[in-house]
Amino acid sequence: MSDFTLPCHFESAVSLAARTYYGIGGTARFLAVPASLSEFSNLLIWNRTYRFPLALLGSGSNILFSDHEFPGIVISLEGMQRLFWLSDNELFCEAGVDNTLIAEELFSAGKGGGEWLYRLPGQIGATVRMNARCFGGEVSEITAGILTLSVDGRLRWKRPDEVFHGYKRTSLMDNPEIVVAVVLRFPESRPAEKIRSEMLGYEEERSKKHHFDFPSCGSTFKNNYAAGRSSGMIFEELGFKGQSEGGAMVSEYHANFIYNTGGATAENVLRLAARMRTAAFEQAGAELDLEVQCVGLFDAELLASCGVGFEADHRDSSQGWVGLLWSPTQKEHTLQEPLFPRLLMQGPLAGYFGFDREFPAGVVVEVEQLCSLEDAAAAPETPFLRWITRSNDPLLFSLKAPAPAGFIDGLWQYSVSELFIAGTPGGSYLEFEMTPEGHWVALRFDTPRKRAEGFEVLSAEPWNRELCLVQEAGVFGMEFCWHLLKPFMSEGHVIALQCAASSGRGEFGLFPWWQMPSSPADFHQPDQFFRISLL
């Protein structure tokens, strides 16, 4: 189509077989590659107009795409690969970072606990989403926090106990939320030679099991520990090694691997998997769940035989859709209902440039919508949006303004948390700064750093009726009324938000972070702000 352009890098008519480990799959109408959270949010907002089906592609290491054409947008996270240390023990990883690169970073830093990630196919976002494990390691054991992006555009920071629900099971597997970043924790220091030896041992073990002889997605079925033995042992006992269906064949070395020996189709793989699953249940009494994630349009009976839930195709009930992030046929009530207060974005401030230990760790910011647009319009002077900063460490905001608490010009010279609010790209925007002690300032700009007419001289007077300060134990921020924010909402009630902070000592933090920050640091870049729809 020539009448629109996706708001991030994209390709048309992309072979999915060429993008996955299995080497199987039809053609995707579009492949989108957002390079930042801002681009990702713009893509989701854009798609509310064009309504293409959405699917997610990590590195393709655990995905079986349908042989049919995918009529929508497959989103790849390969453009999101920032990796840096927030502190001595916490490693920040965007979702597109390969597991092996994380293991190599840990080796360089002399940190133990992640050796098992070496040569584990896949990206950390998908690894967290499915709570992957191998060689006795499990990603839930090293995860400090997860940042997700919902299909309706909200950024939410989740604790491990909110996400991980046991063996290869998480709250994210059945929800339209995308892991966009994780923070991993590695408190243990180890000698480099021991780390390297363990990594190479895992690599050798994979080679011995012939994991890489042919394209595959690793284990086809999860283990059912109630069966008393692994799925691979069950299939070996049942004589499945070497069995085939078209170009798909069970490995002769590991009976839970299905290879693509050449020219295999998705249907070949699923027919072989269905035979294996049926035999395991009927002959060994073991009910097994498919570990490989199916995406696209498949034969409905075949999906059912593999134990995969699906949504029947509205044109042909013999076909079923599975693995979609979102589809136009999805009923609105099946999405998460908007409850108020509604968290719009929440997460940790990270260093502006993405350098190791660039900004003090432990500062979390959040913005929430307190009531619906309808209720806010009916009471335009009441609080509508709430912005807060959480920090229990007094050292993080230690450079304190000397004046009594209140409105103060030049606050940027001290330790401050900041919020920017913009409307139409290239238009006017607001800036708010605040300290834990209650110093604050508000500014309005027509263009970057050009103060709006009537706001050249800073004064608390224009703002006092439209905002109120929030100060609680370990929390500080502001609440804004509808009347103040309404001029900064673009079509569709979309607003652009950006949290930032300055220590006053030349340390700068951002949330959400940017892919291409300028040098020197400059927060006044509305085009990089995170856009989200209000309800």
Protein backbone atom coordinates (compact mmCIF):
# COMPACT_ATOMS: atom_id res chain seq x y z
CA MET A 1 0.00 0.00 0.00
CA SER A 2 1.37 3.40 -0.90
CA ASP A 3 -0.85 5.71 1.15
CA PHE A 4 0.87 5.18 4.48
CA THR A 5 4.26 4.57 6.06
CA LEU A 6 4.87 2.65 9.25
CA PRO A 7 6.37 4.87 12.00
CA CYS A 8 9.57 2.84 12.28
CA HIS A 9 11.88 0.83 10.05
CA PHE A 10 9.94 -1.82 8.16
CA GLU A 11 10.17 -4.24 5.26
CA SER A 12 7.43 -5.59 3.00
CA ALA A 13 6.80 -9.18 1.85
CA VAL A 14 9.31 -10.72 4.26
CA SER A 15 10.07 -14.45 4.29
CA LEU A 16 9.51 -15.65 7.85
CA ALA A 17 11.41 -18.85 7.09
CA ALA A 18 14.51 -16.70 6.60
CA ARG A 19 14.00 -15.06 10.02
CA THR A 20 13.57 -18.13 12.24
CA TYR A 21 15.79 -20.93 13.52
CA TYR A 22 13.41 -23.51 12.09
CA GLY A 23 13.67 -22.11 8.58
CA ILE A 24 9.90 -22.55 8.29
CA GLY A 25 7.11 -20.05 7.65
CA GLY A 26 5.21 -18.14 5.01
CA THR A 27 5.53 -14.50 4.03
CA ALA A 28 4.70 -11.58 6.33
CA ARG A 29 3.02 -8.59 4.77
CA PHE A 30 5.19 -6.31 6.90
CA LEU A 31 8.10 -6.73 9.28
CA ALA A 32 8.48 -3.75 11.65
CA VAL A 33 11.69 -3.13 13.60
CA PRO A 34 11.22 -0.42 16.27
CA ALA A 35 14.53 0.85 17.63
CA SER A 36 13.16 2.53 20.76
CA LEU A 37 10.17 2.53 23.07
CA SER A 38 9.03 5.76 21.45
CA GLU A 39 8.97 4.12 18.01
CA PHE A 40 7.22 1.08 19.49
CA SER A 41 4.48 3.23 21.04
CA ASN A 42 4.07 5.15 17.77
CA LEU A 43 3.62 1.85 15.92
CA LEU A 44 0.88 0.70 18.29
CA ILE A 45 -0.93 4.04 18.06
CA TRP A 46 -0.61 4.01 14.25
CA ASN A 47 -2.08 0.51 14.06
CA ARG A 48 -5.25 1.57 15.83
CA THR A 49 -6.11 3.32 12.59
CA TYR A 50 -4.98 0.66 10.10
CA ARG A 51 -5.89 -2.38 12.26
CA PHE A 52 -3.42 -4.96 11.01
CA PRO A 53 -3.00 -8.23 12.94
CA LEU A 54 0.14 -8.09 15.08
CA ALA A 55 2.59 -10.84 15.98
CA LEU A 56 5.90 -10.75 17.80
CA LEU A 57 9.23 -12.14 16.64
CA GLY A 58 12.19 -12.42 18.96
CA SER A 59 15.14 -14.19 17.42
CA GLY A 60 12.80 -16.88 16.09
CA SER A 61 14.43 -19.57 18.24
CA ASN A 62 11.19 -20.94 19.72
CA ILE A 63 8.60 -20.03 17.07
CA LEU A 64 6.87 -22.08 14.44
CA PHE A 65 5.26 -19.74 11.92
CA SER A 66 2.42 -21.00 9.76
CA ASP A 67 3.04 -21.86 6.11
CA HIS A 68 0.29 -19.38 5.19
CA GLU A 69 0.94 -15.73 4.47
CA PHE A 70 0.75 -13.55 7.58
CA PRO A 71 -1.56 -10.68 6.56
CA GLY A 72 -0.39 -8.17 9.16
CA ILE A 73 2.72 -6.87 10.92
CA VAL A 74 5.34 -9.06 12.51
CA ILE A 75 7.26 -6.98 15.05
CA SER A 76 10.94 -7.76 15.53
CA LEU A 77 12.83 -6.61 18.64
CA GLU A 78 16.24 -6.95 16.99
CA GLY A 79 16.61 -3.15 17.01
CA MET A 80 16.42 -3.00 20.83
CA GLN A 81 19.79 -4.22 22.08
CA ARG A 82 21.01 -1.79 24.74
CA LEU A 83 23.01 -3.48 27.49
CA PHE A 84 24.63 -1.73 30.46
CA TRP A 85 25.13 -2.00 34.23
CA LEU A 86 22.77 0.05 36.39
CA SER A 87 24.86 -0.77 39.45
CA ASP A 88 27.63 -3.20 40.39
CA ASN A 89 25.12 -6.08 40.54
CA GLU A 90 22.23 -5.09 38.23
CA LEU A 91 22.45 -5.47 34.46
CA PHE A 92 19.95 -3.62 32.24
CA CYS A 93 19.03 -5.46 29.02
CA GLU A 94 16.65 -4.44 26.28
CA ALA A 95 14.50 -7.31 25.10
CA GLY A 96 16.43 -7.88 21.86
CA VAL A 97 19.76 -8.73 23.53
CA ASP A 98 20.88 -12.29 22.75
CA ASN A 99 21.29 -14.62 25.72
CA THR A 100 24.83 -15.45 24.68
CA LEU A 101 25.82 -11.76 24.69
CA ILE A 102 24.60 -11.50 28.29
CA ALA A 103 26.73 -14.49 29.28
CA GLU A 104 29.75 -12.93 27.59
CA GLU A 105 29.13 -9.61 29.38
CA LEU A 106 29.03 -11.46 32.71
CA PHE A 107 32.31 -13.17 31.86
CA SER A 108 33.89 -9.76 31.16
CA ALA A 109 32.56 -8.39 34.45
CA GLY A 110 33.59 -11.44 36.51
CA LYS A 111 30.00 -12.18 37.53
CA GLY A 112 28.65 -15.69 38.06
CA GLY A 113 25.12 -17.04 37.89
CA GLY A 114 24.44 -16.63 34.18
CA GLU A 115 26.83 -19.12 32.59
CA TRP A 116 23.90 -21.29 31.51
CA LEU A 117 22.74 -18.53 29.15
CA TYR A 118 25.75 -19.16 26.92
CA ARG A 119 24.67 -20.59 23.56
CA LEU A 120 21.05 -20.69 24.73
CA PRO A 121 19.25 -19.67 21.52
CA GLY A 122 17.04 -16.63 21.77
CA GLN A 123 16.75 -13.11 23.13
CA ILE A 124 16.31 -12.20 26.78
CA GLY A 125 12.79 -10.81 26.28
CA ALA A 126 11.45 -14.16 25.10
CA THR A 127 13.59 -15.98 27.67
CA VAL A 128 11.82 -14.05 30.44
CA ARG A 129 8.40 -14.32 28.83
CA MET A 130 8.48 -18.12 29.00
CA ASN A 131 10.66 -18.43 32.15
CA ALA A 132 13.24 -20.43 30.23
CA ARG A 133 15.58 -22.80 31.99
CA CYS A 134 18.42 -25.17 31.18
CA PHE A 135 21.38 -26.84 32.88
CA GLY A 136 19.82 -26.12 36.29
CA GLY A 137 19.51 -22.39 35.67
CA GLU A 138 16.20 -20.54 35.43
CA VAL A 139 15.75 -16.93 34.39
CA SER A 140 13.33 -16.21 37.26
CA GLU A 141 16.22 -16.75 39.68
CA ILE A 142 18.30 -13.90 38.24
CA THR A 143 15.56 -11.39 37.34
CA ALA A 144 15.17 -8.22 39.42
CA GLY A 145 12.42 -6.57 37.35
CA ILE A 146 10.63 -6.65 34.00
CA LEU A 147 9.36 -3.75 31.90
CA THR A 148 6.39 -4.58 29.69
CA LEU A 149 4.56 -2.66 26.98
CA SER A 150 0.86 -3.49 26.63
CA VAL A 151 -0.94 -3.42 23.29
CA ASP A 152 -2.83 -0.35 24.49
CA GLY A 153 0.53 1.39 24.93
CA ARG A 154 1.19 1.38 28.68
CA LEU A 155 4.67 0.84 30.13
CA ARG A 156 4.59 -1.12 33.37
CA TRP A 157 7.35 -2.23 35.73
CA LYS A 158 6.73 -5.68 37.17
CA ARG A 159 8.30 -7.51 40.08
CA PRO A 160 9.44 -11.10 39.47
CA ASP A 161 6.69 -12.50 41.71
CA GLU A 162 4.09 -10.79 39.51
CA VAL A 163 5.41 -12.55 36.40
CA PHE A 164 6.92 -15.93 37.22
CA HIS A 165 4.45 -18.67 38.10
CA GLY A 166 6.61 -21.79 38.02
CA TYR A 167 8.25 -24.10 35.52
CA LYS A 168 8.14 -22.43 32.08
CA ARG A 169 5.03 -20.53 33.12
CA THR A 170 4.51 -16.77 33.45
CA SER A 171 1.67 -14.25 33.60
CA LEU A 172 2.87 -12.86 30.25
CA MET A 173 2.24 -15.98 28.18
CA ASP A 174 -1.51 -15.40 27.88
CA ASN A 175 -1.55 -11.58 27.96
CA PRO A 176 -1.02 -9.05 25.15
CA GLU A 177 2.02 -7.58 26.91
CA ILE A 178 5.50 -7.42 25.42
CA VAL A 179 8.68 -7.68 27.45
CA VAL A 180 10.72 -4.68 26.30
CA ALA A 181 13.47 -4.69 28.94
CA VAL A 182 14.63 -6.60 31.99
CA VAL A 183 16.98 -5.96 34.88
CA LEU A 184 19.01 -9.00 35.85
CA ARG A 185 20.77 -9.29 39.21
CA PHE A 186 24.17 -10.97 39.66
CA PRO A 187 25.58 -10.46 43.17
CA GLU A 188 28.17 -13.24 42.93
CA SER A 189 31.70 -12.54 41.70
CA ARG A 190 33.66 -15.48 40.26
CA PRO A 191 37.10 -15.97 38.74
CA ALA A 192 37.01 -15.51 34.98
CA GLU A 193 38.57 -18.92 34.31
CA LYS A 194 35.79 -20.70 36.24
CA ILE A 195 33.10 -18.76 34.39
CA ARG A 196 34.66 -19.53 31.01
CA SER A 197 35.12 -23.21 31.87
CA GLU A 198 31.44 -23.55 32.81
CA MET A 199 30.30 -21.73 29.67
CA LEU A 200 32.39 -23.94 27.42
CA GLY A 201 31.11 -27.00 29.28
CA TYR A 202 27.54 -26.08 28.43
CA GLU A 203 28.49 -25.45 24.82
CA GLU A 204 30.14 -28.87 24.63
CA GLU A 205 27.08 -30.50 26.16
CA ARG A 206 24.87 -28.97 23.46
CA SER A 207 27.24 -30.22 20.78
CA LYS A 208 27.25 -33.73 22.24
CA LYS A 209 23.45 -33.77 22.02
CA HIS A 210 23.67 -32.58 18.40
CA HIS A 211 21.46 -29.56 19.10
CA PHE A 212 22.79 -27.77 16.04
CA ASP A 213 22.91 -30.55 13.44
CA PHE A 214 19.76 -29.29 11.72
CA PRO A 215 17.45 -26.30 12.23
CA SER A 216 15.10 -26.80 15.19
CA CYS A 217 13.44 -24.92 18.02
CA GLY A 218 15.00 -26.98 20.77
CA SER A 219 12.66 -28.98 22.99
CA THR A 220 9.32 -29.55 21.28
CA PHE A 221 7.39 -30.34 24.49
CA LYS A 222 7.73 -29.16 28.05
CA ASN A 223 8.59 -31.72 30.70
CA ASN A 224 5.73 -33.01 32.84
CA TYR A 225 7.41 -33.84 36.13
CA ALA A 226 4.38 -35.85 37.26
CA ALA A 227 5.44 -38.39 34.61
CA GLY A 228 8.62 -39.10 36.57
CA ARG A 229 10.97 -38.58 33.63
CA SER A 230 11.70 -36.06 30.93
CA SER A 231 9.67 -35.76 27.74
CA GLY A 232 12.77 -36.78 25.80
CA MET A 233 13.01 -40.05 27.78
CA ILE A 234 9.31 -40.77 27.18
CA PHE A 235 9.66 -40.34 23.42
CA GLU A 236 12.82 -42.41 23.38
CA GLU A 237 11.02 -45.24 25.19
CA LEU A 238 8.23 -45.00 22.63
CA GLY A 239 10.70 -45.36 19.75
CA PHE A 240 10.32 -41.91 18.20
CA LYS A 241 13.99 -41.28 17.50
CA GLY A 242 14.42 -40.92 13.74
CA GLN A 243 10.69 -40.90 12.97
CA SER A 244 9.70 -38.36 10.34
CA GLU A 245 6.88 -36.52 8.63
CA GLY A 246 7.91 -34.98 5.33
CA GLY A 247 11.06 -32.96 6.01
CA ALA A 248 10.50 -32.99 9.78
CA MET A 249 12.35 -35.65 11.77
CA VAL A 250 12.79 -36.50 15.45
CA SER A 251 16.46 -36.26 16.37
CA GLU A 252 18.31 -39.56 16.68
CA TYR A 253 20.19 -38.11 19.67
CA HIS A 254 17.45 -36.27 21.60
CA ALA A 255 13.90 -37.58 21.17
CA ASN A 256 12.28 -34.26 22.17
CA PHE A 257 13.86 -32.37 19.26
CA ILE A 258 12.16 -32.13 15.88
CA TYR A 259 14.57 -31.15 13.12
CA ASN A 260 13.92 -29.53 9.79
CA THR A 261 16.10 -31.83 7.71
CA GLY A 262 15.25 -29.88 4.56
CA GLY A 263 12.03 -28.51 3.13
CA ALA A 264 9.92 -29.23 6.22
CA THR A 265 6.65 -27.32 6.51
CA ALA A 266 4.89 -26.16 9.65
CA GLU A 267 2.24 -28.78 8.98
CA ASN A 268 4.94 -31.49 8.86
CA VAL A 269 6.24 -30.43 12.27
CA LEU A 270 2.81 -30.28 13.89
CA ARG A 271 1.67 -33.61 12.45
CA LEU A 272 4.78 -35.27 13.86
CA ALA A 273 4.29 -33.45 17.19
CA ALA A 274 0.64 -34.57 17.31
CA ARG A 275 1.68 -38.21 16.85
CA MET A 276 4.21 -37.85 19.65
CA ARG A 277 1.78 -36.19 22.03
CA THR A 278 -0.96 -38.76 21.39
CA ALA A 279 1.43 -41.66 21.94
CA ALA A 280 2.79 -40.14 25.15
CA PHE A 281 -0.74 -39.88 26.56
CA GLU A 282 -2.12 -43.20 25.33
CA GLN A 283 0.95 -45.36 25.94
CA ALA A 284 2.77 -43.62 28.79
CA GLY A 285 -0.08 -41.77 30.53
CA ALA A 286 1.80 -38.47 30.20
CA GLU A 287 -0.05 -35.32 29.14
CA LEU A 288 2.46 -33.02 27.51
CA ASP A 289 2.25 -29.35 26.52
CA LEU A 290 3.87 -28.00 23.38
CA GLU A 291 6.84 -25.77 24.19
CA VAL A 292 7.30 -24.44 20.66
CA GLN A 293 5.14 -21.34 20.13
CA CYS A 294 2.91 -21.51 17.06
CA VAL A 295 2.05 -18.26 15.28
CA GLY A 296 -0.36 -17.72 12.42
CA LEU A 297 -3.15 -19.66 10.69
CA PHE A 298 -3.16 -23.46 11.04
CA ASP A 299 -5.52 -26.39 10.59
CA ALA A 300 -7.79 -26.27 13.65
CA GLU A 301 -7.87 -30.04 14.22
CA LEU A 302 -4.10 -30.19 14.04
CA LEU A 303 -3.78 -27.46 16.66
CA ALA A 304 -6.23 -29.27 18.91
CA SER A 305 -4.25 -32.51 18.51
CA CYS A 306 -1.18 -30.66 19.77
CA GLY A 307 -3.08 -29.17 22.70
CA VAL A 308 -2.87 -25.62 21.35
CA GLY A 309 -5.75 -23.23 21.98
CA PHE A 310 -6.83 -21.08 19.03
CA GLU A 311 -9.34 -18.57 17.70
CA ALA A 312 -11.38 -19.92 14.81
CA ASP A 313 -10.96 -18.05 11.53
CA HIS A 314 -14.14 -16.06 10.83
CA ARG A 315 -14.12 -17.08 7.16
CA ASP A 316 -13.20 -20.76 7.54
CA SER A 317 -13.94 -22.48 10.86
CA SER A 318 -11.64 -25.39 9.94
CA GLN A 319 -8.71 -22.99 10.37
CA GLY A 320 -7.52 -21.41 13.59
CA TRP A 321 -5.41 -18.38 14.53
CA VAL A 322 -2.85 -18.74 17.26
CA GLY A 323 -0.03 -16.73 18.79
CA LEU A 324 -1.30 -13.26 17.79
CA LEU A 325 -0.42 -10.25 19.87
CA TRP A 326 -3.56 -8.51 18.60
CA SER A 327 -6.10 -8.98 15.81
CA PRO A 328 -8.92 -6.84 14.38
CA THR A 329 -11.46 -9.54 15.28
CA GLN A 330 -10.49 -9.40 18.93
CA LYS A 331 -13.46 -8.22 20.96
CA GLU A 332 -12.80 -5.06 22.94
CA HIS A 333 -14.06 -6.65 26.14
CA THR A 334 -11.37 -9.34 25.89
CA LEU A 335 -8.71 -6.68 26.40
CA GLN A 336 -7.89 -5.46 29.88
CA GLU A 337 -10.65 -3.12 31.01
CA PRO A 338 -9.52 0.44 31.75
CA LEU A 339 -9.63 0.92 35.50
CA PHE A 340 -8.84 4.17 37.23
CA PRO A 341 -6.41 5.19 38.45
CA ARG A 342 -4.81 3.79 35.28
CA LEU A 343 -1.03 3.40 35.28
CA LEU A 344 0.34 4.88 32.05
CA MET A 345 4.04 4.36 32.59
CA GLN A 346 6.29 3.20 35.38
CA GLY A 347 9.92 2.21 35.52
CA PRO A 348 13.48 2.97 36.67
CA LEU A 349 15.47 5.96 35.50
CA ALA A 350 18.45 4.83 33.44
CA GLY A 351 21.53 6.80 32.42
CA TYR A 352 20.94 9.26 29.60
CA PHE A 353 23.74 7.86 27.41
CA GLY A 354 23.37 4.21 28.42
CA PHE A 355 26.81 4.00 30.01
CA ASP A 356 27.60 1.60 32.85
CA ARG A 357 26.66 3.00 36.29
CA GLU A 358 25.96 6.38 34.69
CA PHE A 359 23.07 7.42 36.93
CA PRO A 360 22.42 6.39 40.55
CA ALA A 361 20.25 3.26 40.61
CA GLY A 362 17.04 2.94 42.58
CA VAL A 363 14.89 5.82 41.29
CA VAL A 364 11.49 4.75 39.95
CA VAL A 365 9.08 7.16 38.25
CA GLU A 366 5.44 6.71 37.31
CA VAL A 367 2.58 8.58 35.68
CA GLU A 368 -1.05 7.54 36.11
CA GLN A 369 -4.38 8.76 34.81
CA LEU A 370 -6.64 9.34 37.81
CA CYS A 371 -10.03 9.35 36.09
CA SER A 372 -11.64 8.96 32.69
CA LEU A 373 -11.60 11.70 30.06
CA GLU A 374 -15.33 12.06 30.45
CA ASP A 375 -15.15 12.54 34.22
CA ALA A 376 -12.18 14.91 33.89
CA ALA A 377 -14.00 17.09 31.35
CA ALA A 378 -16.96 17.32 33.73
CA ALA A 379 -14.69 18.51 36.55
CA PRO A 380 -11.80 20.25 34.77
CA GLU A 381 -10.21 21.69 37.93
CA THR A 382 -9.83 18.36 39.75
CA PRO A 383 -6.66 16.20 39.55
CA PHE A 384 -6.50 14.22 36.32
CA LEU A 385 -2.85 13.08 35.92
CA ARG A 386 -0.45 12.12 38.72
CA TRP A 387 3.35 12.06 38.38
CA ILE A 388 5.56 10.76 41.19
CA THR A 389 9.16 9.81 41.82
CA ARG A 390 10.02 7.06 44.32
CA SER A 391 13.36 7.00 46.10
CA ASN A 392 14.21 5.87 49.61
CA ASP A 393 17.92 6.66 49.29
CA PRO A 394 18.65 10.26 50.38
CA LEU A 395 21.96 10.18 48.50
CA LEU A 396 20.20 9.98 45.14
CA PHE A 397 18.87 13.56 45.50
CA SER A 398 21.58 14.91 47.77
CA LEU A 399 22.34 18.29 46.13
CA LYS A 400 19.59 20.30 47.80
CA ALA A 401 18.40 23.80 46.93
CA PRO A 402 19.27 26.24 49.74
CA ALA A 403 16.03 28.23 49.60
CA PRO A 404 12.87 27.33 51.56
CA ALA A 405 10.57 24.89 49.81
CA GLY A 406 8.42 26.43 47.09
CA PHE A 407 8.60 27.77 43.55
CA ILE A 408 12.20 28.53 42.60
CA ASP A 409 13.93 29.58 39.37
CA GLY A 410 17.21 27.87 38.49
CA LEU A 411 16.13 24.62 40.14
CA TRP A 412 17.93 22.63 37.46
CA GLN A 413 21.22 23.37 39.25
CA TYR A 414 20.21 20.98 42.05
CA SER A 415 19.01 17.37 42.32
CA VAL A 416 15.62 17.27 40.61
CA SER A 417 13.14 14.91 39.02
CA GLU A 418 11.47 16.21 35.85
CA LEU A 419 8.40 15.54 33.73
CA PHE A 420 7.82 16.80 30.18
CA ILE A 421 4.36 16.82 28.59
CA ALA A 422 3.87 17.47 24.86
CA GLY A 423 1.03 17.33 22.38
CA THR A 424 1.39 17.54 18.61
CA PRO A 425 4.96 16.74 17.49
CA GLY A 426 6.85 20.00 16.92
CA GLY A 427 4.36 21.97 18.99
CA SER A 428 4.40 23.45 22.47
CA TYR A 429 5.22 21.47 25.60
CA LEU A 430 5.43 21.73 29.39
CA GLU A 431 8.30 21.06 31.78
CA PHE A 432 7.95 20.42 35.52
CA GLU A 433 10.79 20.01 38.01
CA MET A 434 10.59 19.02 41.66
CA THR A 435 12.80 18.03 44.59
CA PRO A 436 11.93 15.71 47.50
CA GLU A 437 11.86 18.75 49.80
CA GLY A 438 9.07 20.45 47.81
CA HIS A 439 11.00 22.91 45.65
CA TRP A 440 9.40 23.09 42.23
CA VAL A 441 9.21 24.99 38.97
CA ALA A 442 6.94 24.87 35.91
CA LEU A 443 7.69 26.12 32.40
CA ARG A 444 5.90 26.31 29.05
CA PHE A 445 7.68 26.27 25.68
CA ASP A 446 6.51 26.95 22.13
CA THR A 447 9.53 25.17 20.58
CA PRO A 448 12.56 23.52 22.20
CA ARG A 449 13.86 25.88 24.89
CA LYS A 450 11.87 28.88 23.56
CA ARG A 451 9.53 29.96 26.32
CA ALA A 452 5.95 30.55 25.32
CA GLU A 453 4.55 34.06 25.14
CA GLY A 454 3.42 35.16 28.59
CA PHE A 455 5.66 32.60 30.31
CA GLU A 456 9.03 34.29 29.73
CA VAL A 457 9.32 35.33 33.38
CA LEU A 458 8.95 32.38 35.74
CA SER A 459 6.23 32.68 38.35
CA ALA A 460 4.14 30.27 40.40
CA GLU A 461 0.98 32.29 39.79
CA PRO A 462 -0.20 30.73 36.47
CA TRP A 463 0.24 27.21 37.85
CA ASN A 464 -1.09 27.25 41.41
CA ARG A 465 -4.70 26.59 40.37
CA GLU A 466 -3.83 23.80 37.94
CA LEU A 467 -1.45 21.58 39.88
CA CYS A 468 -0.81 20.43 43.43
CA LEU A 469 2.28 18.93 45.01
CA VAL A 470 2.52 15.32 46.22
CA GLN A 471 4.82 14.59 49.17
CA GLU A 472 4.76 11.30 51.03
CA ALA A 473 7.40 9.07 52.63
CA GLY A 474 9.90 8.29 49.87
CA VAL A 475 7.58 9.80 47.24
CA PHE A 476 7.27 13.24 45.66
CA GLY A 477 5.59 14.63 42.57
CA MET A 478 2.59 16.57 41.23
CA GLU A 479 -1.03 16.20 40.20
CA PHE A 480 -2.33 18.09 37.15
CA CYS A 481 -5.89 19.04 36.26
CA TRP A 482 -7.68 18.45 32.96
CA HIS A 483 -7.79 22.16 32.17
CA LEU A 484 -3.98 22.34 32.20
CA LEU A 485 -3.42 19.24 30.03
CA LYS A 486 -6.23 19.47 27.48
CA PRO A 487 -4.27 21.80 25.09
CA PHE A 488 -1.51 19.17 24.92
CA MET A 489 -3.65 16.27 23.72
CA SER A 490 -3.43 15.50 20.03
CA GLU A 491 -5.96 13.61 17.90
CA GLY A 492 -7.23 10.49 19.65
CA HIS A 493 -6.44 11.99 23.07
CA VAL A 494 -2.77 11.09 22.63
CA ILE A 495 -0.26 12.76 24.92
CA ALA A 496 3.57 12.56 24.90
CA LEU A 497 5.34 12.05 28.23
CA GLN A 498 8.98 12.00 29.28
CA CYS A 499 10.44 11.50 32.75
CA ALA A 500 13.97 12.66 33.46
CA ALA A 501 16.23 13.59 36.35
CA SER A 502 19.42 15.44 37.10
CA SER A 503 21.65 14.95 40.11
CA GLY A 504 23.01 18.47 39.72
CA ARG A 505 26.47 16.92 39.40
CA GLY A 506 26.39 16.19 35.68
CA GLU A 507 24.49 12.87 35.98
CA PHE A 508 21.31 12.58 33.91
CA GLY A 509 18.60 9.92 33.84
CA LEU A 510 15.70 9.11 31.51
CA PHE A 511 12.57 7.04 31.50
CA PRO A 512 11.68 5.87 28.97
CA TRP A 513 15.23 5.87 27.64
CA TRP A 514 16.14 7.00 24.13
CA GLN A 515 17.88 5.08 21.39
CA MET A 516 19.91 8.03 20.04
CA PRO A 517 20.55 10.58 22.82
CA SER A 518 22.28 13.79 21.83
CA SER A 519 25.54 15.03 23.25
CA PRO A 520 25.64 17.08 25.40
CA ALA A 521 22.59 15.83 27.28
CA ASP A 522 19.40 17.65 26.30
CA PHE A 523 15.96 16.68 27.61
CA HIS A 524 14.18 19.17 25.32
CA GLN A 525 13.52 16.78 22.42
CA PRO A 526 9.74 16.29 22.17
CA ASP A 527 10.07 14.04 19.12
CA GLN A 528 11.65 11.40 21.38
CA PHE A 529 8.95 11.51 24.06
CA PHE A 530 6.74 8.49 24.70
CA ARG A 531 3.23 8.83 23.24
CA ILE A 532 0.25 7.19 24.86
CA SER A 533 -3.53 7.35 24.48
CA LEU A 534 -5.72 8.53 27.34
CA LEU A 535 -9.13 6.95 27.93
